[in-house]
C-alpha atoms as a PDB file:
ATOM      1  CA  UNK A   1     -21.556 -11.006   9.753  1.00  0.00           C
ATOM      2  CA  UNK A   2     -17.788 -11.181  10.003  1.00  0.00           C
ATOM      3  CA  UNK A   3     -15.823 -12.110   6.891  1.00  0.00           C
ATOM      4  CA  UNK A   4     -12.544 -13.989   6.900  1.00  0.00           C
ATOM      5  CA  UNK A   5     -10.143 -14.238   4.000  1.00  0.00           C
ATOM      6  CA  UNK A   6      -8.493 -17.616   3.547  1.00  0.00           C
ATOM      7  CA  UNK A   7      -5.353 -17.634   1.382  1.00  0.00           C
ATOM      8  CA  UNK A   8      -3.951 -20.908   0.102  1.00  0.00           C
ATOM      9  CA  UNK A   9      -0.149 -20.997  -0.159  1.00  0.00           C
ATOM     10  CA  UNK A  10       1.235 -23.320  -2.811  1.00  0.00           C
ATOM     11  CA  UNK A  11      -0.883 -25.371  -5.181  1.00  0.00           C
ATOM     12  CA  UNK A  12      -4.591 -25.680  -4.533  1.00  0.00           C
ATOM     13  CA  UNK A  13      -5.571 -28.836  -2.652  1.00  0.00           C
ATOM     14  CA  UNK A  14      -8.050 -31.204  -4.287  1.00  0.00           C
ATOM     15  CA  UNK A  15     -10.451 -30.412  -1.462  1.00  0.00           C
ATOM     16  CA  UNK A  16     -10.546 -26.652  -2.261  1.00  0.00           C
ATOM     17  CA  UNK A  17     -14.344 -26.497  -2.501  1.00  0.00           C
ATOM     18  CA  UNK A  18     -16.938 -24.455  -0.604  1.00  0.00           C
ATOM     19  CA  UNK A  19     -18.262 -27.664   0.973  1.00  0.00           C
ATOM     20  CA  UNK A  20     -14.849 -28.773   2.282  1.00  0.00           C
ATOM     21  CA  UNK A  21     -14.033 -25.309   3.618  1.00  0.00           C
ATOM     22  CA  UNK A  22     -17.430 -25.108   5.306  1.00  0.00           C
ATOM     23  CA  UNK A  23     -16.800 -28.489   6.981  1.00  0.00           C
ATOM     24  CA  UNK A  24     -13.391 -27.290   8.203  1.00  0.00           C
ATOM     25  CA  UNK A  25     -14.521 -23.865   9.470  1.00  0.00           C
ATOM     26  CA  UNK A  26     -17.884 -25.011  10.853  1.00  0.00           C
ATOM     27  CA  UNK A  27     -16.070 -26.499  13.874  1.00  0.00           C
ATOM     28  CA  UNK A  28     -15.651 -22.972  15.265  1.00  0.00           C
ATOM     29  CA  UNK A  29     -19.168 -21.615  14.859  1.00  0.00           C
ATOM     30  CA  UNK A  30     -22.138 -21.156  12.573  1.00  0.00           C
ATOM     31  CA  UNK A  31     -21.149 -20.126   9.070  1.00  0.00           C
ATOM     32  CA  UNK A  32     -23.284 -17.913   6.872  1.00  0.00           C
ATOM     33  CA  UNK A  33     -21.566 -18.852   3.623  1.00  0.00           C
ATOM     34  CA  UNK A  34     -18.315 -19.694   1.849  1.00  0.00           C
ATOM     35  CA  UNK A  35     -17.246 -18.110  -1.432  1.00  0.00           C
ATOM     36  CA  UNK A  36     -14.304 -19.094  -3.644  1.00  0.00           C
ATOM     37  CA  UNK A  37     -13.769 -16.628  -6.508  1.00  0.00           C
ATOM     38  CA  UNK A  38     -13.080 -18.021  -9.963  1.00  0.00           C
ATOM     39  CA  UNK A  39     -10.746 -16.704 -12.639  1.00  0.00           C
ATOM     40  CA  UNK A  40     -12.599 -14.601 -15.142  1.00  0.00           C
ATOM     41  CA  UNK A  41     -12.028 -16.609 -18.307  1.00  0.00           C
ATOM     42  CA  UNK A  42     -10.955 -20.080 -17.219  1.00  0.00           C
ATOM     43  CA  UNK A  43     -13.466 -20.666 -14.375  1.00  0.00           C
ATOM     44  CA  UNK A  44     -10.615 -22.140 -12.295  1.00  0.00           C
ATOM     45  CA  UNK A  45     -10.757 -21.509  -8.579  1.00  0.00           C
ATOM     46  CA  UNK A  46      -8.586 -18.682  -7.313  1.00  0.00           C
ATOM     47  CA  UNK A  47      -6.184 -19.394  -4.420  1.00  0.00           C
ATOM     48  CA  UNK A  48      -8.282 -17.623  -1.800  1.00  0.00           C
ATOM     49  CA  UNK A  49     -11.746 -17.794  -0.310  1.00  0.00           C
ATOM     50  CA  UNK A  50     -14.089 -15.884   1.959  1.00  0.00           C
ATOM     51  CA  UNK A  51     -15.804 -17.479   4.935  1.00  0.00           C
ATOM     52  CA  UNK A  52     -18.515 -15.498   6.730  1.00  0.00           C
ATOM     53  CA  UNK A  53     -19.474 -16.152  10.332  1.00  0.00           C
ATOM     54  CA  UNK A  54     -22.605 -14.889  12.037  1.00  0.00           C
ATOM     55  CA  UNK A  55     -20.652 -14.103  15.239  1.00  0.00           C
ATOM     56  CA  UNK A  56     -17.376 -12.222  15.400  1.00  0.00           C
ATOM     57  CA  UNK A  57     -16.186 -14.315  18.365  1.00  0.00           C
ATOM     58  CA  UNK A  58     -16.484 -17.469  16.218  1.00  0.00           C
ATOM     59  CA  UNK A  59     -14.497 -15.799  13.450  1.00  0.00           C
ATOM     60  CA  UNK A  60     -11.725 -14.858  15.910  1.00  0.00           C
ATOM     61  CA  UNK A  61     -11.572 -18.446  17.171  1.00  0.00           C
ATOM     62  CA  UNK A  62     -11.305 -19.772  13.607  1.00  0.00           C
ATOM     63  CA  UNK A  63      -8.413 -17.392  12.904  1.00  0.00           C
ATOM     64  CA  UNK A  64      -6.587 -18.595  16.030  1.00  0.00           C
ATOM     65  CA  UNK A  65      -7.092 -22.278  15.227  1.00  0.00           C
ATOM     66  CA  UNK A  66      -6.767 -22.365  11.430  1.00  0.00           C
ATOM     67  CA  UNK A  67      -4.147 -19.753  10.548  1.00  0.00           C
ATOM     68  CA  UNK A  68      -1.189 -21.895   9.454  1.00  0.00           C
ATOM     69  CA  UNK A  69      -3.324 -25.037   9.043  1.00  0.00           C
ATOM     70  CA  UNK A  70      -2.147 -27.446   6.331  1.00  0.00           C
ATOM     71  CA  UNK A  71      -4.828 -28.561   3.900  1.00  0.00           C
ATOM     72  CA  UNK A  72      -3.717 -31.132   1.358  1.00  0.00           C
ATOM     73  CA  UNK A  73      -0.097 -30.032   1.725  1.00  0.00           C
ATOM     74  CA  UNK A  74      -0.872 -26.325   1.265  1.00  0.00           C
ATOM     75  CA  UNK A  75      -0.715 -23.853   4.137  1.00  0.00           C
ATOM     76  CA  UNK A  76      -3.736 -21.687   4.843  1.00  0.00           C
ATOM     77  CA  UNK A  77      -3.416 -18.088   5.988  1.00  0.00           C
ATOM     78  CA  UNK A  78      -6.601 -16.975   7.711  1.00  0.00           C
ATOM     79  CA  UNK A  79      -7.279 -13.329   8.572  1.00  0.00           C
ATOM     80  CA  UNK A  80     -10.146 -10.892   8.881  1.00  0.00           C
ATOM     81  CA  UNK A  81     -11.114  -9.738   5.385  1.00  0.00           C
ATOM     82  CA  UNK A  82     -10.221  -6.154   4.501  1.00  0.00           C
ATOM     83  CA  UNK A  83     -12.483  -6.069   1.462  1.00  0.00           C
ATOM     84  CA  UNK A  84     -15.819  -7.581   0.589  1.00  0.00           C
ATOM     85  CA  UNK A  85     -16.162 -10.580  -1.644  1.00  0.00           C
ATOM     86  CA  UNK A  86     -18.009  -8.373  -4.124  1.00  0.00           C
ATOM     87  CA  UNK A  87     -14.811  -6.338  -4.560  1.00  0.00           C
ATOM     88  CA  UNK A  88     -12.813  -9.547  -5.104  1.00  0.00           C
ATOM     89  CA  UNK A  89     -15.367 -10.743  -7.640  1.00  0.00           C
ATOM     90  CA  UNK A  90     -15.054  -7.456  -9.574  1.00  0.00           C
ATOM     91  CA  UNK A  91     -11.250  -7.855  -9.752  1.00  0.00           C
ATOM     92  CA  UNK A  92     -11.573 -11.341 -11.291  1.00  0.00           C
END
């Protein structure tokens, strides 16, 4: 699987849910899963997510199409993840 990191610039849109992100990213290929980390003590969503694709070519297409996309007034930055979501979860 190929993991993408999705950063949300500005305030989080109301649609910042795994389901909404899956609907948005699913247009570019089959998604394994979507993970949005939560803050350790407040359970609020953090301003980034991980989207995993089964095929690397689908992930590359999603980066091309969705990097700079505006979601609910907030700009998304989409790139190949440098770290695993488990590492992000541990930082929480």
